[in-house]
Amino acid sequence: MPYNYHHFCITYNWEVAQKRTDPVAETSTFERGRATRRRLIETAARLGRERHGVQLSVAEIAKAAGAFPNQVTYYFGSKDSLLVHAAFLALLHDTRRIERIGRQAPDAAAFRRNIARAVLALPSLPSVAGALASGIAKAELAPVIDQHLHLLFRQSERFVSQLVDSRGWSLGRPIDVEARTFWSAALGAALLAHAGAHGTGADLDLAGTLTVHDQGGRA
């Protein structure tokens, strides 16, 4: 049969149109894309932990994730944007451990002390500081960082609110101010360290930014 280019174009365009209007095909494509995006974020976060301080290339992140380098740009816009997502994913994982530590505290004083100490020692904090520094230098990253910070604050608010209610503790200020103040101090300290400032966690009274206390007192 002779090759009919016109017939090929008609058939191809019809098949593409069918795929675009087929809900099953659209769902499958969406799920594959979401899985690839998630895999790239998780891989970048893992490589960041394993090779702390080493610059990661798009090619090696993509290869380790079983993806193509151009998919980084397609899903995230840039490598820096991917690294922001990866840094905050690592922080999200770390905060789950922080919540366990908080629940084990016998009283409000221990809660403030243990939470502050644990947060300053989080392995993901330097990566998040790097993400914040990137956001300062590159305005296009600001919305991505703002979205992740919003999620971090909301998660912290829910955790502290539930714990305070279940323990009968009190807060000296609104829960949203509590969460934002605490994380601003912690991330500010990490950003200073990222910029090369000297000092240790002992130089910052992070526990003092928390106003959680036992009912009827400030112990």
C-alpha atoms as a PDB file:
ATOM      1  CA  MET A   1       0.000   0.000   0.000  1.00  0.00           C
ATOM      2  CA  PRO A   2       1.438   3.393  -0.895  1.00  0.00           C
ATOM      3  CA  TYR A   3       2.137   5.796   1.986  1.00  0.00           C
ATOM      4  CA  ASN A   4      -0.662   8.351   2.247  1.00  0.00           C
ATOM      5  CA  TYR A   5       0.637  11.351   4.230  1.00  0.00           C
ATOM      6  CA  HIS A   6      -2.749  13.091   4.190  1.00  0.00           C
ATOM      7  CA  HIS A   7      -4.460  10.003   5.600  1.00  0.00           C
ATOM      8  CA  PHE A   8      -1.728   9.706   8.250  1.00  0.00           C
ATOM      9  CA  CYS A   9      -2.264  13.298   9.402  1.00  0.00           C
ATOM     10  CA  ILE A  10      -6.028  12.852   9.667  1.00  0.00           C
ATOM     11  CA  THR A  11      -5.658   9.583  11.607  1.00  0.00           C
ATOM     12  CA  TYR A  12      -2.966  10.983  13.917  1.00  0.00           C
ATOM     13  CA  ASN A  13      -4.918  14.152  14.721  1.00  0.00           C
ATOM     14  CA  TRP A  14      -8.050  12.114  15.445  1.00  0.00           C
ATOM     15  CA  GLU A  15      -6.154   9.823  17.825  1.00  0.00           C
ATOM     16  CA  VAL A  16      -4.596  12.788  19.635  1.00  0.00           C
ATOM     17  CA  ALA A  17      -8.005  14.424  19.966  1.00  0.00           C
ATOM     18  CA  GLN A  18      -9.437  11.196  21.333  1.00  0.00           C
ATOM     19  CA  LYS A  19      -6.678  10.961  23.946  1.00  0.00           C
ATOM     20  CA  ARG A  20      -7.219  14.555  24.990  1.00  0.00           C
ATOM     21  CA  THR A  21     -10.939  14.028  25.454  1.00  0.00           C
ATOM     22  CA  ASP A  22     -10.658  10.562  26.974  1.00  0.00           C
ATOM     23  CA  PRO A  23     -11.031  10.977  30.782  1.00  0.00           C
ATOM     24  CA  VAL A  24      -9.198   7.711  31.416  1.00  0.00           C
ATOM     25  CA  ALA A  25      -6.229   8.809  29.272  1.00  0.00           C
ATOM     26  CA  GLU A  26      -6.172  12.234  30.924  1.00  0.00           C
ATOM     27  CA  THR A  27      -6.264  10.675  34.397  1.00  0.00           C
ATOM     28  CA  SER A  28      -3.486   8.243  33.511  1.00  0.00           C
ATOM     29  CA  THR A  29      -1.309  11.039  32.139  1.00  0.00           C
ATOM     30  CA  PHE A  30      -1.981  13.190  35.199  1.00  0.00           C
ATOM     31  CA  GLU A  31      -1.111  10.362  37.585  1.00  0.00           C
ATOM     32  CA  ARG A  32       2.111   9.580  35.732  1.00  0.00           C
ATOM     33  CA  GLY A  33       3.071  13.240  35.804  1.00  0.00           C
ATOM     34  CA  ARG A  34       2.330  13.526  39.500  1.00  0.00           C
ATOM     35  CA  ALA A  35       4.358  10.379  40.217  1.00  0.00           C
ATOM     36  CA  THR A  36       7.313  11.741  38.240  1.00  0.00           C
ATOM     37  CA  ARG A  37       7.108  15.077  40.020  1.00  0.00           C
ATOM     38  CA  ARG A  38       6.977  13.395  43.426  1.00  0.00           C
ATOM     39  CA  ARG A  39       9.881  11.096  42.514  1.00  0.00           C
ATOM     40  CA  LEU A  40      12.038  14.048  41.477  1.00  0.00           C
ATOM     41  CA  ILE A  41      11.334  15.875  44.744  1.00  0.00           C
ATOM     42  CA  GLU A  42      12.001  12.820  46.892  1.00  0.00           C
ATOM     43  CA  THR A  43      15.189  12.002  44.992  1.00  0.00           C
ATOM     44  CA  ALA A  44      16.508  15.555  45.287  1.00  0.00           C
ATOM     45  CA  ALA A  45      15.751  15.507  49.023  1.00  0.00           C
ATOM     46  CA  ARG A  46      17.545  12.174  49.459  1.00  0.00           C
ATOM     47  CA  LEU A  47      20.595  13.279  47.481  1.00  0.00           C
ATOM     48  CA  GLY A  48      20.670  16.503  49.472  1.00  0.00           C
ATOM     49  CA  ARG A  49      20.867  14.510  52.711  1.00  0.00           C
ATOM     50  CA  GLU A  50      23.467  12.080  51.397  1.00  0.00           C
ATOM     51  CA  ARG A  51      25.704  14.690  49.780  1.00  0.00           C
ATOM     52  CA  HIS A  52      25.312  17.602  52.126  1.00  0.00           C
ATOM     53  CA  GLY A  53      27.058  20.716  50.835  1.00  0.00           C
ATOM     54  CA  VAL A  54      27.644  19.301  47.354  1.00  0.00           C
ATOM     55  CA  GLN A  55      26.010  21.057  44.394  1.00  0.00           C
ATOM     56  CA  LEU A  56      23.610  18.724  42.609  1.00  0.00           C
ATOM     57  CA  SER A  57      23.169  18.891  38.854  1.00  0.00           C
ATOM     58  CA  VAL A  58      19.893  18.500  37.002  1.00  0.00           C
ATOM     59  CA  ALA A  59      21.333  15.523  35.128  1.00  0.00           C
ATOM     60  CA  GLU A  60      22.253  13.533  38.232  1.00  0.00           C
ATOM     61  CA  ILE A  61      18.975  14.257  39.987  1.00  0.00           C
ATOM     62  CA  ALA A  62      17.018  13.178  36.919  1.00  0.00           C
ATOM     63  CA  LYS A  63      19.119  10.048  36.432  1.00  0.00           C
ATOM     64  CA  ALA A  64      18.708   8.990  40.071  1.00  0.00           C
ATOM     65  CA  ALA A  65      14.945   9.589  39.797  1.00  0.00           C
ATOM     66  CA  GLY A  66      14.604   7.639  36.557  1.00  0.00           C
ATOM     67  CA  ALA A  67      13.507  10.777  34.715  1.00  0.00           C
ATOM     68  CA  PHE A  68      14.776  13.031  31.935  1.00  0.00           C
ATOM     69  CA  PRO A  69      16.601  16.309  32.671  1.00  0.00           C
ATOM     70  CA  ASN A  70      14.021  18.336  30.737  1.00  0.00           C
ATOM     71  CA  GLN A  71      11.300  17.034  33.081  1.00  0.00           C
ATOM     72  CA  VAL A  72      12.861  19.069  35.884  1.00  0.00           C
ATOM     73  CA  THR A  73      12.216  22.234  33.900  1.00  0.00           C
ATOM     74  CA  TYR A  74       8.807  21.009  32.767  1.00  0.00           C
ATOM     75  CA  TYR A  75       7.494  20.291  36.263  1.00  0.00           C
ATOM     76  CA  PHE A  76       9.381  22.883  38.331  1.00  0.00           C
ATOM     77  CA  GLY A  77      10.617  25.591  36.002  1.00  0.00           C
ATOM     78  CA  SER A  78      14.194  25.379  37.284  1.00  0.00           C
ATOM     79  CA  LYS A  79      16.558  23.303  39.378  1.00  0.00           C
ATOM     80  CA  ASP A  80      16.391  25.898  42.156  1.00  0.00           C
ATOM     81  CA  SER A  81      12.628  25.501  42.365  1.00  0.00           C
ATOM     82  CA  LEU A  82      13.002  21.722  42.614  1.00  0.00           C
ATOM     83  CA  LEU A  83      15.555  22.123  45.398  1.00  0.00           C
ATOM     84  CA  VAL A  84      13.183  24.392  47.306  1.00  0.00           C
ATOM     85  CA  HIS A  85      10.484  21.719  47.135  1.00  0.00           C
ATOM     86  CA  ALA A  86      13.013  19.067  48.193  1.00  0.00           C
ATOM     87  CA  ALA A  87      14.291  21.114  51.154  1.00  0.00           C
ATOM     88  CA  PHE A  88      10.817  21.675  52.541  1.00  0.00           C
ATOM     89  CA  LEU A  89       9.874  18.030  51.982  1.00  0.00           C
ATOM     90  CA  ALA A  90      12.866  17.052  54.123  1.00  0.00           C
ATOM     91  CA  LEU A  91      11.769  19.578  56.751  1.00  0.00           C
ATOM     92  CA  LEU A  92       8.251  18.137  56.699  1.00  0.00           C
ATOM     93  CA  HIS A  93       9.658  14.675  57.413  1.00  0.00           C
ATOM     94  CA  ASP A  94      11.800  16.073  60.230  1.00  0.00           C
ATOM     95  CA  THR A  95       8.890  17.898  61.845  1.00  0.00           C
ATOM     96  CA  ARG A  96       7.092  14.586  62.292  1.00  0.00           C
ATOM     97  CA  ARG A  97       9.919  13.570  64.620  1.00  0.00           C
ATOM     98  CA  ILE A  98       9.632  16.933  66.353  1.00  0.00           C
ATOM     99  CA  GLU A  99       5.953  16.278  66.987  1.00  0.00           C
ATOM    100  CA  ARG A 100       6.772  12.936  68.610  1.00  0.00           C
ATOM    101  CA  ILE A 101       9.276  14.672  70.876  1.00  0.00           C
ATOM    102  CA  GLY A 102       6.676  17.287  71.777  1.00  0.00           C
ATOM    103  CA  ARG A 103       4.072  14.689  72.714  1.00  0.00           C
ATOM    104  CA  GLN A 104       6.530  12.977  75.052  1.00  0.00           C
ATOM    105  CA  ALA A 105       7.114  16.137  77.107  1.00  0.00           C
ATOM    106  CA  PRO A 106       5.724  15.733  80.649  1.00  0.00           C
ATOM    107  CA  ASP A 107       5.002  19.451  81.090  1.00  0.00           C
ATOM    108  CA  ALA A 108       5.048  22.755  79.256  1.00  0.00           C
ATOM    109  CA  ALA A 109       8.571  23.673  80.357  1.00  0.00           C
ATOM    110  CA  ALA A 110       9.952  20.398  79.002  1.00  0.00           C
ATOM    111  CA  PHE A 111       7.962  20.923  75.798  1.00  0.00           C
ATOM    112  CA  ARG A 112       9.515  24.344  75.190  1.00  0.00           C
ATOM    113  CA  ARG A 113      13.018  23.134  75.993  1.00  0.00           C
ATOM    114  CA  ASN A 114      12.877  19.865  74.030  1.00  0.00           C
ATOM    115  CA  ILE A 115      11.204  21.341  70.952  1.00  0.00           C
ATOM    116  CA  ALA A 116      13.715  24.192  70.716  1.00  0.00           C
ATOM    117  CA  ARG A 117      16.707  21.891  71.095  1.00  0.00           C
ATOM    118  CA  ALA A 118      15.397  19.397  68.545  1.00  0.00           C
ATOM    119  CA  VAL A 119      14.486  21.989  65.910  1.00  0.00           C
ATOM    120  CA  LEU A 120      17.915  23.622  66.000  1.00  0.00           C
ATOM    121  CA  ALA A 121      19.474  20.191  65.398  1.00  0.00           C
ATOM    122  CA  LEU A 122      17.260  19.277  62.423  1.00  0.00           C
ATOM    123  CA  PRO A 123      19.401  17.938  59.550  1.00  0.00           C
ATOM    124  CA  SER A 124      17.081  19.606  57.020  1.00  0.00           C
ATOM    125  CA  LEU A 125      17.467  23.114  58.470  1.00  0.00           C
ATOM    126  CA  PRO A 126      20.624  24.030  56.469  1.00  0.00           C
ATOM    127  CA  SER A 127      18.909  23.008  53.209  1.00  0.00           C
ATOM    128  CA  VAL A 128      15.894  25.149  54.038  1.00  0.00           C
ATOM    129  CA  ALA A 129      18.213  28.039  54.851  1.00  0.00           C
ATOM    130  CA  GLY A 130      19.729  27.587  51.400  1.00  0.00           C
ATOM    131  CA  ALA A 131      16.246  27.618  49.876  1.00  0.00           C
ATOM    132  CA  LEU A 132      15.440  30.855  51.689  1.00  0.00           C
ATOM    133  CA  ALA A 133      18.686  32.394  50.465  1.00  0.00           C
ATOM    134  CA  SER A 134      17.778  31.386  46.902  1.00  0.00           C
ATOM    135  CA  GLY A 135      14.405  33.053  47.347  1.00  0.00           C
ATOM    136  CA  ILE A 136      16.083  36.296  48.340  1.00  0.00           C
ATOM    137  CA  ALA A 137      18.235  36.246  45.219  1.00  0.00           C
ATOM    138  CA  LYS A 138      15.589  34.976  42.792  1.00  0.00           C
ATOM    139  CA  ALA A 139      12.177  36.602  43.012  1.00  0.00           C
ATOM    140  CA  GLU A 140      10.496  33.836  40.976  1.00  0.00           C
ATOM    141  CA  LEU A 141      11.074  31.427  43.867  1.00  0.00           C
ATOM    142  CA  ALA A 142       9.259  33.613  46.406  1.00  0.00           C
ATOM    143  CA  PRO A 143       5.761  32.199  45.699  1.00  0.00           C
ATOM    144  CA  VAL A 144       7.056  28.625  46.043  1.00  0.00           C
ATOM    145  CA  ILE A 145       8.753  29.404  49.353  1.00  0.00           C
ATOM    146  CA  ASP A 146       5.714  31.299  50.611  1.00  0.00           C
ATOM    147  CA  GLN A 147       3.501  28.308  49.850  1.00  0.00           C
ATOM    148  CA  HIS A 148       5.754  25.943  51.785  1.00  0.00           C
ATOM    149  CA  LEU A 149       6.090  28.322  54.727  1.00  0.00           C
ATOM    150  CA  HIS A 150       2.312  28.651  54.847  1.00  0.00           C
ATOM    151  CA  LEU A 151       1.993  24.856  55.043  1.00  0.00           C
ATOM    152  CA  LEU A 152       4.690  24.683  57.728  1.00  0.00           C
ATOM    153  CA  PHE A 153       2.955  27.309  59.859  1.00  0.00           C
ATOM    154  CA  ARG A 154      -0.472  25.684  59.474  1.00  0.00           C
ATOM    155  CA  GLN A 155       0.880  22.248  60.381  1.00  0.00           C
ATOM    156  CA  SER A 156       2.592  23.668  63.464  1.00  0.00           C
ATOM    157  CA  GLU A 157      -0.559  25.488  64.489  1.00  0.00           C
ATOM    158  CA  ARG A 158      -2.619  22.289  64.318  1.00  0.00           C
ATOM    159  CA  PHE A 159      -0.044  20.313  66.279  1.00  0.00           C
ATOM    160  CA  VAL A 160       0.383  22.857  69.086  1.00  0.00           C
ATOM    161  CA  SER A 161      -3.342  23.572  69.286  1.00  0.00           C
ATOM    162  CA  GLN A 162      -4.197  19.875  69.651  1.00  0.00           C
ATOM    163  CA  LEU A 163      -1.476  19.339  72.245  1.00  0.00           C
ATOM    164  CA  VAL A 164      -2.428  22.400  74.286  1.00  0.00           C
ATOM    165  CA  ASP A 165      -6.090  21.356  74.302  1.00  0.00           C
ATOM    166  CA  SER A 166      -5.336  17.761  75.286  1.00  0.00           C
ATOM    167  CA  ARG A 167      -2.913  18.743  78.080  1.00  0.00           C
ATOM    168  CA  GLY A 168      -4.861  21.679  79.445  1.00  0.00           C
ATOM    169  CA  TRP A 169      -1.970  24.023  78.704  1.00  0.00           C
ATOM    170  CA  SER A 170      -2.275  27.683  77.719  1.00  0.00           C
ATOM    171  CA  LEU A 171      -0.766  30.021  75.144  1.00  0.00           C
ATOM    172  CA  GLY A 172       0.248  33.595  75.817  1.00  0.00           C
ATOM    173  CA  ARG A 173      -0.705  34.758  72.318  1.00  0.00           C
ATOM    174  CA  PRO A 174      -2.718  33.641  69.263  1.00  0.00           C
ATOM    175  CA  ILE A 175      -1.661  30.281  67.842  1.00  0.00           C
ATOM    176  CA  ASP A 176      -0.788  31.700  64.402  1.00  0.00           C
ATOM    177  CA  VAL A 177       1.542  34.281  65.989  1.00  0.00           C
ATOM    178  CA  GLU A 178       3.100  31.553  68.129  1.00  0.00           C
ATOM    179  CA  ALA A 179       3.943  29.352  65.150  1.00  0.00           C
ATOM    180  CA  ARG A 180       5.201  32.175  62.945  1.00  0.00           C
ATOM    181  CA  THR A 181       7.370  33.679  65.701  1.00  0.00           C
ATOM    182  CA  PHE A 182       8.953  30.349  66.582  1.00  0.00           C
ATOM    183  CA  TRP A 183       9.781  29.351  63.004  1.00  0.00           C
ATOM    184  CA  SER A 184      10.960  32.843  62.093  1.00  0.00           C
ATOM    185  CA  ALA A 185      13.528  32.624  64.895  1.00  0.00           C
ATOM    186  CA  ALA A 186      14.601  29.077  63.984  1.00  0.00           C
ATOM    187  CA  LEU A 187      14.879  29.756  60.252  1.00  0.00           C
ATOM    188  CA  GLY A 188      16.545  33.105  60.886  1.00  0.00           C
ATOM    189  CA  ALA A 189      19.219  31.360  62.933  1.00  0.00           C
ATOM    190  CA  ALA A 190      19.705  28.801  60.161  1.00  0.00           C
ATOM    191  CA  LEU A 191      19.956  31.556  57.560  1.00  0.00           C
ATOM    192  CA  LEU A 192      22.615  33.355  59.601  1.00  0.00           C
ATOM    193  CA  ALA A 193      24.606  30.135  59.891  1.00  0.00           C
ATOM    194  CA  HIS A 194      24.205  29.588  56.140  1.00  0.00           C
ATOM    195  CA  ALA A 195      25.639  33.066  55.567  1.00  0.00           C
ATOM    196  CA  GLY A 196      28.698  32.169  57.654  1.00  0.00           C
ATOM    197  CA  ALA A 197      27.817  33.794  60.983  1.00  0.00           C
ATOM    198  CA  HIS A 198      29.593  32.245  63.955  1.00  0.00           C
ATOM    199  CA  GLY A 199      27.632  30.808  66.844  1.00  0.00           C
ATOM    200  CA  THR A 200      25.790  27.768  68.109  1.00  0.00           C
ATOM    201  CA  GLY A 201      22.300  26.880  69.219  1.00  0.00           C
ATOM    202  CA  ALA A 202      23.292  27.898  72.737  1.00  0.00           C
ATOM    203  CA  ASP A 203      23.487  31.499  71.541  1.00  0.00           C
ATOM    204  CA  LEU A 204      19.767  31.559  70.717  1.00  0.00           C
ATOM    205  CA  ASP A 205      16.956  31.317  73.241  1.00  0.00           C
ATOM    206  CA  LEU A 206      14.564  29.601  70.847  1.00  0.00           C
ATOM    207  CA  ALA A 207      12.624  28.126  73.761  1.00  0.00           C
ATOM    208  CA  GLY A 208      11.978  31.688  74.926  1.00  0.00           C
ATOM    209  CA  THR A 209       9.968  32.396  71.778  1.00  0.00           C
ATOM    210  CA  LEU A 210       7.340  29.868  72.926  1.00  0.00           C
ATOM    211  CA  THR A 211       4.580  30.979  75.274  1.00  0.00           C
ATOM    212  CA  VAL A 212       3.170  27.511  75.969  1.00  0.00           C
ATOM    213  CA  HIS A 213       2.775  27.068  79.722  1.00  0.00           C
ATOM    214  CA  ASP A 214       0.939  24.930  82.227  1.00  0.00           C
ATOM    215  CA  GLN A 215      -2.534  26.103  83.148  1.00  0.00           C
ATOM    216  CA  GLY A 216      -2.423  28.703  85.889  1.00  0.00           C
ATOM    217  CA  GLY A 217       1.247  29.564  85.626  1.00  0.00           C
ATOM    218  CA  ARG A 218       4.288  30.193  83.424  1.00  0.00           C
ATOM    219  CA  ALA A 219       6.228  27.127  84.468  1.00  0.00           C
END
